[in-house]
Amino acid sequence: TNLQYMFYSATSFNGNISAWNVSSVTDMSEMFLGATSFNGNISIWNVSSVTDMQEMFYDATSFDQNLGNWYIVLDSEVIHYDDAPGIIGSISAQNLFLDGQNATYGIATGGDSGSFELDGADLRLKEMPTKESYAVTINATGDFGSGNSKSIVVKVLGFPNSPPTVSAGDDQTVQEG
């Protein structure tokens, strides 16, 4: 499927196209070229099949949306308790064209960000988990802009239940052996 030049020079267009199913589209080159009013939220589009996005937003001067879902795809959002601390998953973009833009990833402040670190594109949990889920926001910056982020909830599988408590009465003795 080809959407090349679809909104070329559509200077008044700013319609809601967020619900479009573009999962089989391969060419979005120059799609919004010169669409100076367009600033629609298309962040939920699945662009994994797109092979050409050349100048997709060239001269689309109003466009300023967060495309973090396009640039920040974590191949796993779970870690087993026994594998912590360790790598949760690797970050990439939805397609090779976006990967070719060499995004730089970072961890935003807030939430549980202090529990994570990035090693290249690998998201790591730095310490043994103390709870069953963590919230972290990843930022992606590059030639495509800097306002791209995605919030992720990392689940810890096999998180142990509270340890059992052992008590002995006042007049009981516990002996080793």
N, C-alpha and C. Protein backbone atom coordinates (compact mmCIF):
# COMPACT_ATOMS: atom_id res chain seq x y z
N THR A 1 0.84 -1.18 0.00
CA THR A 1 0.00 0.00 0.00
C THR A 1 0.88 1.24 0.00
N ASN A 2 0.47 2.25 -0.72
CA ASN A 2 1.28 3.43 -0.92
C ASN A 2 0.49 4.68 -0.53
N LEU A 3 1.02 5.44 0.43
CA LEU A 3 0.40 6.71 0.83
C LEU A 3 1.28 7.90 0.45
N GLN A 4 2.23 7.68 -0.45
CA GLN A 4 3.14 8.74 -0.87
C GLN A 4 2.34 9.95 -1.37
N TYR A 5 2.72 11.12 -0.91
CA TYR A 5 2.11 12.40 -1.31
C TYR A 5 0.62 12.53 -0.96
N MET A 6 0.09 11.70 -0.11
CA MET A 6 -1.35 11.71 0.15
C MET A 6 -1.87 13.09 0.55
N PHE A 7 -1.16 13.79 1.43
CA PHE A 7 -1.60 15.11 1.88
C PHE A 7 -0.64 16.20 1.41
N TYR A 8 0.01 15.97 0.30
CA TYR A 8 0.98 16.92 -0.26
C TYR A 8 0.35 18.30 -0.42
N SER A 9 0.95 19.29 0.20
CA SER A 9 0.53 20.69 0.14
C SER A 9 -0.92 20.91 0.55
N ALA A 10 -1.45 20.03 1.38
CA ALA A 10 -2.81 20.21 1.92
C ALA A 10 -2.70 21.18 3.09
N THR A 11 -2.57 22.44 2.78
CA THR A 11 -2.22 23.45 3.79
C THR A 11 -3.30 23.67 4.85
N SER A 12 -4.53 23.28 4.60
CA SER A 12 -5.60 23.44 5.60
C SER A 12 -5.94 22.15 6.31
N PHE A 13 -5.35 21.04 5.92
CA PHE A 13 -5.73 19.74 6.48
C PHE A 13 -5.20 19.57 7.91
N ASN A 14 -6.09 19.22 8.82
CA ASN A 14 -5.71 18.83 10.18
C ASN A 14 -6.76 17.86 10.72
N GLY A 15 -7.20 16.94 9.88
CA GLY A 15 -8.24 16.00 10.26
C GLY A 15 -7.75 14.91 11.20
N ASN A 16 -8.70 14.25 11.83
CA ASN A 16 -8.40 13.15 12.76
C ASN A 16 -8.26 11.86 11.96
N ILE A 17 -7.03 11.40 11.81
CA ILE A 17 -6.75 10.15 11.10
C ILE A 17 -6.07 9.15 12.03
N SER A 18 -6.24 9.37 13.33
CA SER A 18 -5.55 8.54 14.32
C SER A 18 -5.97 7.08 14.27
N ALA A 19 -7.19 6.79 13.85
CA ALA A 19 -7.69 5.41 13.86
C ALA A 19 -7.41 4.66 12.56
N TRP A 20 -6.71 5.26 11.64
CA TRP A 20 -6.41 4.57 10.39
C TRP A 20 -5.58 3.32 10.65
N ASN A 21 -5.88 2.25 9.94
CA ASN A 21 -5.07 1.03 10.00
C ASN A 21 -4.06 1.12 8.87
N VAL A 22 -2.81 1.41 9.23
CA VAL A 22 -1.74 1.55 8.24
C VAL A 22 -0.73 0.42 8.35
N SER A 23 -1.11 -0.67 9.00
CA SER A 23 -0.16 -1.75 9.28
C SER A 23 0.42 -2.40 8.02
N SER A 24 -0.25 -2.30 6.88
CA SER A 24 0.28 -2.90 5.66
C SER A 24 0.88 -1.87 4.70
N VAL A 25 0.93 -0.62 5.10
CA VAL A 25 1.50 0.44 4.26
C VAL A 25 3.01 0.29 4.21
N THR A 26 3.58 0.42 3.01
CA THR A 26 5.03 0.33 2.86
C THR A 26 5.68 1.66 2.50
N ASP A 27 4.92 2.58 1.91
CA ASP A 27 5.50 3.86 1.48
C ASP A 27 4.70 5.02 2.05
N MET A 28 5.35 5.79 2.93
CA MET A 28 4.76 7.01 3.48
C MET A 28 5.61 8.22 3.12
N SER A 29 6.46 8.08 2.12
CA SER A 29 7.35 9.19 1.76
C SER A 29 6.52 10.39 1.32
N GLU A 30 6.98 11.56 1.74
CA GLU A 30 6.34 12.84 1.41
C GLU A 30 4.85 12.88 1.75
N MET A 31 4.38 12.03 2.61
CA MET A 31 2.95 11.93 2.90
C MET A 31 2.34 13.26 3.37
N PHE A 32 3.05 13.98 4.24
CA PHE A 32 2.55 15.25 4.77
C PHE A 32 3.40 16.42 4.28
N LEU A 33 4.12 16.24 3.20
CA LEU A 33 4.99 17.28 2.65
C LEU A 33 4.18 18.55 2.39
N GLY A 34 4.54 19.62 3.08
CA GLY A 34 3.87 20.90 2.89
C GLY A 34 2.49 21.01 3.52
N ALA A 35 2.08 20.02 4.29
CA ALA A 35 0.78 20.08 4.99
C ALA A 35 0.98 20.92 6.24
N THR A 36 1.04 22.21 6.06
CA THR A 36 1.50 23.14 7.09
C THR A 36 0.58 23.24 8.31
N SER A 37 -0.67 22.84 8.22
CA SER A 37 -1.58 22.90 9.36
C SER A 37 -1.69 21.59 10.11
N PHE A 38 -1.18 20.51 9.55
CA PHE A 38 -1.39 19.20 10.15
C PHE A 38 -0.61 19.04 11.45
N ASN A 39 -1.33 18.65 12.51
CA ASN A 39 -0.72 18.33 13.79
C ASN A 39 -1.54 17.24 14.48
N GLY A 40 -2.01 16.28 13.71
CA GLY A 40 -2.83 15.21 14.26
C GLY A 40 -2.02 14.16 15.00
N ASN A 41 -2.66 13.54 15.97
CA ASN A 41 -2.02 12.49 16.76
C ASN A 41 -2.09 11.18 15.99
N ILE A 42 -0.95 10.75 15.48
CA ILE A 42 -0.86 9.49 14.74
C ILE A 42 0.09 8.53 15.46
N SER A 43 0.28 8.76 16.74
CA SER A 43 1.26 7.99 17.51
C SER A 43 0.90 6.52 17.65
N ILE A 44 -0.37 6.16 17.51
CA ILE A 44 -0.73 4.74 17.68
C ILE A 44 -0.68 3.97 16.36
N TRP A 45 -0.33 4.62 15.27
CA TRP A 45 -0.20 3.91 14.01
C TRP A 45 0.87 2.84 14.11
N ASN A 46 0.60 1.69 13.53
CA ASN A 46 1.59 0.62 13.42
C ASN A 46 2.32 0.83 12.10
N VAL A 47 3.54 1.34 12.17
CA VAL A 47 4.32 1.63 10.97
C VAL A 47 5.42 0.60 10.74
N SER A 48 5.25 -0.59 11.31
CA SER A 48 6.30 -1.61 11.23
C SER A 48 6.56 -2.10 9.81
N SER A 49 5.62 -1.98 8.89
CA SER A 49 5.82 -2.45 7.51
C SER A 49 6.38 -1.37 6.58
N VAL A 50 6.45 -0.14 7.05
CA VAL A 50 6.88 0.97 6.20
C VAL A 50 8.38 0.86 5.92
N THR A 51 8.72 0.96 4.63
CA THR A 51 10.13 0.91 4.23
C THR A 51 10.63 2.26 3.75
N ASP A 52 9.74 3.19 3.45
CA ASP A 52 10.16 4.51 2.98
C ASP A 52 9.34 5.60 3.67
N MET A 53 10.05 6.43 4.45
CA MET A 53 9.44 7.57 5.12
C MET A 53 10.19 8.85 4.78
N GLN A 54 10.92 8.84 3.67
CA GLN A 54 11.69 10.02 3.28
C GLN A 54 10.79 11.24 3.26
N GLU A 55 11.23 12.28 3.92
CA GLU A 55 10.55 13.58 3.93
C GLU A 55 9.07 13.50 4.27
N MET A 56 8.71 12.55 5.09
CA MET A 56 7.31 12.35 5.45
C MET A 56 6.68 13.61 6.04
N PHE A 57 7.43 14.33 6.86
CA PHE A 57 6.91 15.53 7.52
C PHE A 57 7.63 16.80 7.04
N TYR A 58 8.30 16.73 5.92
CA TYR A 58 9.04 17.89 5.42
C TYR A 58 8.09 19.06 5.19
N ASP A 59 8.41 20.19 5.75
CA ASP A 59 7.58 21.40 5.66
C ASP A 59 6.19 21.25 6.25
N ALA A 60 5.98 20.24 7.07
CA ALA A 60 4.74 20.13 7.85
C ALA A 60 5.01 20.89 9.14
N THR A 61 5.05 22.20 9.03
CA THR A 61 5.61 23.06 10.07
C THR A 61 4.84 23.06 11.38
N SER A 62 3.58 22.67 11.40
CA SER A 62 2.81 22.63 12.64
C SER A 62 2.95 21.30 13.37
N PHE A 63 3.47 20.28 12.70
CA PHE A 63 3.48 18.95 13.30
C PHE A 63 4.46 18.90 14.47
N ASP A 64 3.93 18.52 15.64
CA ASP A 64 4.74 18.49 16.86
C ASP A 64 4.20 17.41 17.79
N GLN A 65 3.96 16.23 17.28
CA GLN A 65 3.38 15.15 18.09
C GLN A 65 4.47 14.21 18.62
N ASN A 66 4.16 13.56 19.73
CA ASN A 66 5.04 12.56 20.32
C ASN A 66 4.89 11.26 19.53
N LEU A 67 5.96 10.84 18.87
CA LEU A 67 5.96 9.59 18.12
C LEU A 67 6.80 8.53 18.84
N GLY A 68 6.80 8.62 20.17
CA GLY A 68 7.57 7.67 20.97
C GLY A 68 7.20 6.22 20.70
N ASN A 69 5.92 5.95 20.41
CA ASN A 69 5.52 4.57 20.10
C ASN A 69 6.18 4.05 18.83
N TRP A 70 6.58 4.95 17.94
CA TRP A 70 7.25 4.54 16.71
C TRP A 70 8.73 4.27 16.97
N TYR A 71 9.33 5.08 17.82
CA TYR A 71 10.77 5.02 18.03
C TYR A 71 11.19 4.16 19.22
N ILE A 72 10.28 3.85 20.11
CA ILE A 72 10.64 3.14 21.33
C ILE A 72 9.82 1.86 21.42
N VAL A 73 10.42 0.77 20.97
CA VAL A 73 9.79 -0.54 21.03
C VAL A 73 10.71 -1.43 21.85
N LEU A 74 10.23 -1.86 22.99
CA LEU A 74 11.02 -2.72 23.87
C LEU A 74 10.62 -4.15 23.58
N ASP A 75 11.60 -5.01 23.26
CA ASP A 75 11.25 -6.38 22.86
C ASP A 75 10.78 -7.24 24.02
N SER A 76 10.93 -6.78 25.24
CA SER A 76 10.38 -7.46 26.41
C SER A 76 10.11 -6.42 27.49
N GLU A 77 9.01 -6.59 28.19
CA GLU A 77 8.67 -5.68 29.29
C GLU A 77 8.53 -6.45 30.59
N VAL A 78 9.15 -7.63 30.65
CA VAL A 78 9.12 -8.45 31.86
C VAL A 78 10.53 -8.94 32.18
N ILE A 79 10.75 -9.17 33.45
CA ILE A 79 11.98 -9.80 33.90
C ILE A 79 11.59 -10.78 35.00
N HIS A 80 12.23 -11.92 35.01
CA HIS A 80 11.98 -12.89 36.08
C HIS A 80 12.79 -12.48 37.30
N TYR A 81 12.21 -12.63 38.45
CA TYR A 81 12.86 -12.24 39.70
C TYR A 81 14.26 -12.85 39.80
N ASP A 82 14.40 -14.12 39.40
CA ASP A 82 15.69 -14.80 39.50
C ASP A 82 16.73 -14.27 38.53
N ASP A 83 16.32 -13.51 37.52
CA ASP A 83 17.26 -12.95 36.54
C ASP A 83 17.67 -11.52 36.88
N ALA A 84 17.16 -11.00 37.97
CA ALA A 84 17.48 -9.63 38.37
C ALA A 84 18.65 -9.63 39.34
N PRO A 85 19.42 -8.56 39.34
CA PRO A 85 19.40 -7.47 38.38
C PRO A 85 19.84 -7.96 37.00
N GLY A 86 19.35 -7.32 35.96
CA GLY A 86 19.71 -7.75 34.62
C GLY A 86 18.92 -7.03 33.54
N ILE A 87 19.12 -7.51 32.31
CA ILE A 87 18.50 -6.90 31.14
C ILE A 87 17.04 -7.30 31.04
N ILE A 88 16.20 -6.31 30.85
CA ILE A 88 14.77 -6.54 30.63
C ILE A 88 14.52 -6.76 29.15
N GLY A 89 15.06 -5.90 28.32
CA GLY A 89 14.87 -6.01 26.88
C GLY A 89 15.68 -4.96 26.15
N SER A 90 15.66 -5.06 24.82
CA SER A 90 16.38 -4.13 23.96
C SER A 90 15.39 -3.20 23.27
N ILE A 91 15.80 -1.95 23.13
CA ILE A 91 14.96 -0.94 22.51
C ILE A 91 15.34 -0.82 21.03
N SER A 92 14.33 -0.74 20.19
CA SER A 92 14.53 -0.45 18.77
C SER A 92 13.34 0.37 18.31
N ALA A 93 13.30 0.68 17.03
CA ALA A 93 12.16 1.39 16.44
C ALA A 93 11.27 0.38 15.73
N GLN A 94 10.10 0.84 15.26
CA GLN A 94 9.14 -0.06 14.63
C GLN A 94 9.59 -0.58 13.27
N ASN A 95 10.50 0.12 12.60
CA ASN A 95 10.95 -0.37 11.29
C ASN A 95 12.39 0.03 11.04
N LEU A 96 12.99 -0.55 10.01
CA LEU A 96 14.40 -0.30 9.71
C LEU A 96 14.66 1.15 9.32
N PHE A 97 13.70 1.80 8.66
CA PHE A 97 13.88 3.20 8.30
C PHE A 97 14.06 4.05 9.56
N LEU A 98 13.21 3.84 10.54
CA LEU A 98 13.31 4.60 11.79
C LEU A 98 14.57 4.22 12.56
N ASP A 99 14.91 2.92 12.56
CA ASP A 99 16.16 2.49 13.20
C ASP A 99 17.36 3.19 12.58
N GLY A 100 17.29 3.41 11.26
CA GLY A 100 18.39 4.05 10.55
C GLY A 100 18.59 5.50 10.92
N GLN A 101 17.68 6.08 11.67
CA GLN A 101 17.83 7.46 12.11
C GLN A 101 18.66 7.56 13.39
N ASN A 102 19.17 6.42 13.85
CA ASN A 102 20.11 6.38 14.98
C ASN A 102 19.63 7.16 16.19
N ALA A 103 18.51 6.77 16.71
CA ALA A 103 17.97 7.42 17.90
C ALA A 103 18.92 7.24 19.09
N THR A 104 18.94 8.24 19.93
CA THR A 104 19.64 8.15 21.20
C THR A 104 18.57 8.02 22.28
N TYR A 105 18.71 7.01 23.12
CA TYR A 105 17.70 6.74 24.14
C TYR A 105 18.18 7.20 25.51
N GLY A 106 17.24 7.63 26.33
CA GLY A 106 17.54 8.04 27.69
C GLY A 106 16.36 7.71 28.59
N ILE A 107 16.62 7.70 29.88
CA ILE A 107 15.58 7.44 30.87
C ILE A 107 15.14 8.77 31.47
N ALA A 108 13.85 9.04 31.40
CA ALA A 108 13.31 10.28 31.95
C ALA A 108 13.30 10.21 33.47
N THR A 109 13.30 11.36 34.11
CA THR A 109 13.21 11.39 35.57
C THR A 109 11.78 11.12 35.99
N GLY A 110 11.62 10.74 37.24
CA GLY A 110 10.30 10.47 37.78
C GLY A 110 9.98 8.99 37.76
N GLY A 111 8.87 8.66 38.40
CA GLY A 111 8.47 7.26 38.48
C GLY A 111 9.55 6.43 39.17
N ASP A 112 9.84 5.29 38.60
CA ASP A 112 10.86 4.40 39.15
C ASP A 112 12.17 4.48 38.38
N SER A 113 12.42 5.62 37.74
CA SER A 113 13.57 5.74 36.84
C SER A 113 14.90 5.40 37.51
N GLY A 114 15.03 5.66 38.80
CA GLY A 114 16.27 5.37 39.50
C GLY A 114 16.60 3.89 39.59
N SER A 115 15.63 3.04 39.30
CA SER A 115 15.84 1.59 39.35
C SER A 115 16.40 1.04 38.05
N PHE A 116 16.51 1.89 37.01
CA PHE A 116 16.90 1.43 35.69
C PHE A 116 18.14 2.14 35.18
N GLU A 117 18.78 1.50 34.21
CA GLU A 117 19.86 2.12 33.47
C GLU A 117 19.82 1.59 32.04
N LEU A 118 20.42 2.34 31.14
CA LEU A 118 20.53 1.90 29.75
C LEU A 118 21.97 1.54 29.47
N ASP A 119 22.16 0.39 28.85
CA ASP A 119 23.47 -0.05 28.39
C ASP A 119 23.34 -0.17 26.88
N GLY A 120 23.69 0.90 26.16
CA GLY A 120 23.40 0.96 24.73
C GLY A 120 21.89 1.05 24.58
N ALA A 121 21.29 0.07 23.92
CA ALA A 121 19.84 0.04 23.75
C ALA A 121 19.18 -0.96 24.69
N ASP A 122 19.95 -1.51 25.62
CA ASP A 122 19.41 -2.49 26.57
C ASP A 122 18.95 -1.80 27.85
N LEU A 123 17.69 -2.04 28.22
CA LEU A 123 17.15 -1.53 29.47
C LEU A 123 17.43 -2.54 30.57
N ARG A 124 18.09 -2.09 31.64
CA ARG A 124 18.49 -2.98 32.73
C ARG A 124 17.85 -2.54 34.04
N LEU A 125 17.43 -3.53 34.82
CA LEU A 125 17.03 -3.30 36.20
C LEU A 125 18.31 -3.38 37.02
N LYS A 126 18.63 -2.32 37.78
CA LYS A 126 19.93 -2.21 38.44
C LYS A 126 20.07 -3.05 39.70
N GLU A 127 18.97 -3.33 40.39
CA GLU A 127 19.05 -4.03 41.67
C GLU A 127 17.98 -5.10 41.74
N MET A 128 18.03 -5.91 42.79
CA MET A 128 16.99 -6.91 43.00
C MET A 128 15.65 -6.19 43.16
N PRO A 129 14.60 -6.73 42.56
CA PRO A 129 13.29 -6.08 42.64
C PRO A 129 12.75 -6.07 44.07
N THR A 130 12.07 -4.98 44.39
CA THR A 130 11.42 -4.86 45.70
C THR A 130 9.90 -4.80 45.55
N LYS A 131 9.43 -4.87 44.30
CA LYS A 131 7.99 -4.87 44.04
C LYS A 131 7.72 -5.58 42.72
N GLU A 132 6.44 -5.80 42.43
CA GLU A 132 6.05 -6.61 41.27
C GLU A 132 6.02 -5.86 39.95
N SER A 133 5.99 -4.54 39.97
CA SER A 133 6.01 -3.78 38.73
C SER A 133 6.65 -2.42 38.95
N TYR A 134 7.21 -1.89 37.87
CA TYR A 134 7.91 -0.61 37.90
C TYR A 134 7.45 0.22 36.71
N ALA A 135 7.42 1.53 36.89
CA ALA A 135 7.07 2.45 35.79
C ALA A 135 8.32 3.23 35.38
N VAL A 136 8.59 3.24 34.09
CA VAL A 136 9.75 3.96 33.57
C VAL A 136 9.36 4.61 32.24
N THR A 137 9.89 5.79 31.99
CA THR A 137 9.65 6.49 30.73
C THR A 137 10.96 6.61 29.99
N ILE A 138 10.93 6.19 28.71
CA ILE A 138 12.11 6.24 27.85
C ILE A 138 11.93 7.40 26.86
N ASN A 139 12.99 8.17 26.64
CA ASN A 139 12.99 9.24 25.66
C ASN A 139 13.83 8.82 24.46
N ALA A 140 13.44 9.28 23.28
CA ALA A 140 14.23 9.07 22.06
C ALA A 140 14.48 10.43 21.42
N THR A 141 15.73 10.72 21.12
CA THR A 141 16.08 11.98 20.46
C THR A 141 16.95 11.68 19.25
N GLY A 142 16.97 12.62 18.33
CA GLY A 142 17.78 12.49 17.12
C GLY A 142 17.39 13.55 16.13
N ASP A 143 17.77 13.34 14.87
CA ASP A 143 17.44 14.30 13.82
C ASP A 143 15.94 14.48 13.64
N PHE A 144 15.17 13.52 14.09
CA PHE A 144 13.71 13.54 13.96
C PHE A 144 13.05 14.37 15.04
N GLY A 145 13.80 14.83 16.03
CA GLY A 145 13.24 15.65 17.09
C GLY A 145 13.58 15.11 18.47
N SER A 146 13.04 15.78 19.47
CA SER A 146 13.37 15.40 20.84
C SER A 146 12.15 15.18 21.72
N GLY A 147 10.96 15.32 21.21
CA GLY A 147 9.76 15.20 22.04
C GLY A 147 9.14 13.82 22.00
N ASN A 148 9.94 12.80 21.81
CA ASN A 148 9.41 11.44 21.66
C ASN A 148 9.70 10.63 22.92
N SER A 149 8.64 10.16 23.56
CA SER A 149 8.82 9.37 24.78
C SER A 149 7.74 8.30 24.86
N LYS A 150 8.01 7.30 25.67
CA LYS A 150 7.05 6.23 25.87
C LYS A 150 7.17 5.74 27.30
N SER A 151 6.03 5.64 27.99
CA SER A 151 5.99 5.12 29.35
C SER A 151 5.76 3.62 29.29
N ILE A 152 6.52 2.90 30.08
CA ILE A 152 6.49 1.44 30.06
C ILE A 152 6.31 0.94 31.49
N VAL A 153 5.50 -0.09 31.67
CA VAL A 153 5.38 -0.76 32.95
C VAL A 153 6.12 -2.08 32.83
N VAL A 154 7.15 -2.25 33.64
CA VAL A 154 7.95 -3.47 33.65
C VAL A 154 7.41 -4.38 34.75
N LYS A 155 7.06 -5.58 34.38
CA LYS A 155 6.53 -6.58 35.32
C LYS A 155 7.66 -7.49 35.78
N VAL A 156 7.64 -7.85 37.05
CA VAL A 156 8.59 -8.80 37.62
C VAL A 156 7.86 -10.12 37.82
N LEU A 157 8.25 -11.14 37.06
CA LEU A 157 7.64 -12.46 37.18
C LEU A 157 8.31 -13.23 38.32
N GLY A 158 7.55 -14.06 39.00
CA GLY A 158 8.12 -14.89 40.07
C GLY A 158 8.51 -14.11 41.30
N PHE A 159 7.89 -12.93 41.47
CA PHE A 159 8.20 -12.12 42.65
C PHE A 159 7.76 -12.91 43.88
N PRO A 160 8.65 -13.11 44.85
CA PRO A 160 8.30 -13.95 46.00
C PRO A 160 7.26 -13.27 46.90
N ASN A 161 6.44 -14.10 47.49
CA ASN A 161 5.50 -13.60 48.49
C ASN A 161 6.29 -13.16 49.71
N SER A 162 5.65 -12.49 50.61
CA SER A 162 6.33 -12.07 51.83
C SER A 162 6.91 -13.30 52.52
N PRO A 163 8.11 -13.18 53.05
CA PRO A 163 8.71 -14.34 53.73
C PRO A 163 7.90 -14.72 54.96
N PRO A 164 7.86 -16.00 55.26
CA PRO A 164 7.11 -16.43 56.45
C PRO A 164 7.76 -15.88 57.71
N THR A 165 6.94 -15.62 58.69
CA THR A 165 7.47 -15.18 59.97
C THR A 165 7.54 -16.37 60.91
N VAL A 166 8.60 -16.44 61.66
CA VAL A 166 8.79 -17.52 62.62
C VAL A 166 8.86 -16.88 63.99
N SER A 167 8.10 -17.42 64.91
CA SER A 167 8.15 -16.88 66.26
C SER A 167 8.13 -18.03 67.25
N ALA A 168 8.71 -17.78 68.35
CA ALA A 168 8.70 -18.76 69.45
C ALA A 168 8.15 -18.05 70.67
N GLY A 169 7.40 -18.77 71.48
CA GLY A 169 6.86 -18.19 72.71
C GLY A 169 7.98 -17.79 73.65
N ASP A 170 7.61 -17.08 74.71
CA ASP A 170 8.60 -16.59 75.67
C ASP A 170 9.40 -17.71 76.32
N ASP A 171 8.77 -18.83 76.54
CA ASP A 171 9.46 -19.89 77.26
C ASP A 171 9.93 -21.02 76.33
N GLN A 172 10.02 -20.76 75.04
CA GLN A 172 10.50 -21.78 74.12
C GLN A 172 11.91 -21.44 73.68
N THR A 173 12.67 -22.48 73.44
CA THR A 173 14.04 -22.33 73.00
C THR A 173 14.18 -23.02 71.65
N VAL A 174 14.85 -22.37 70.76
CA VAL A 174 15.13 -22.98 69.46
C VAL A 174 16.59 -23.34 69.47
N GLN A 175 16.86 -24.64 69.23
CA GLN A 175 18.24 -25.11 69.22
C GLN A 175 18.62 -25.51 67.81
N GLU A 176 19.87 -25.30 67.50
CA GLU A 176 20.38 -25.69 66.20
C GLU A 176 20.62 -27.19 66.21
N GLY A 177 20.38 -27.83 65.06
CA GLY A 177 20.71 -29.24 64.91
C GLY A 177 19.61 -30.11 64.98
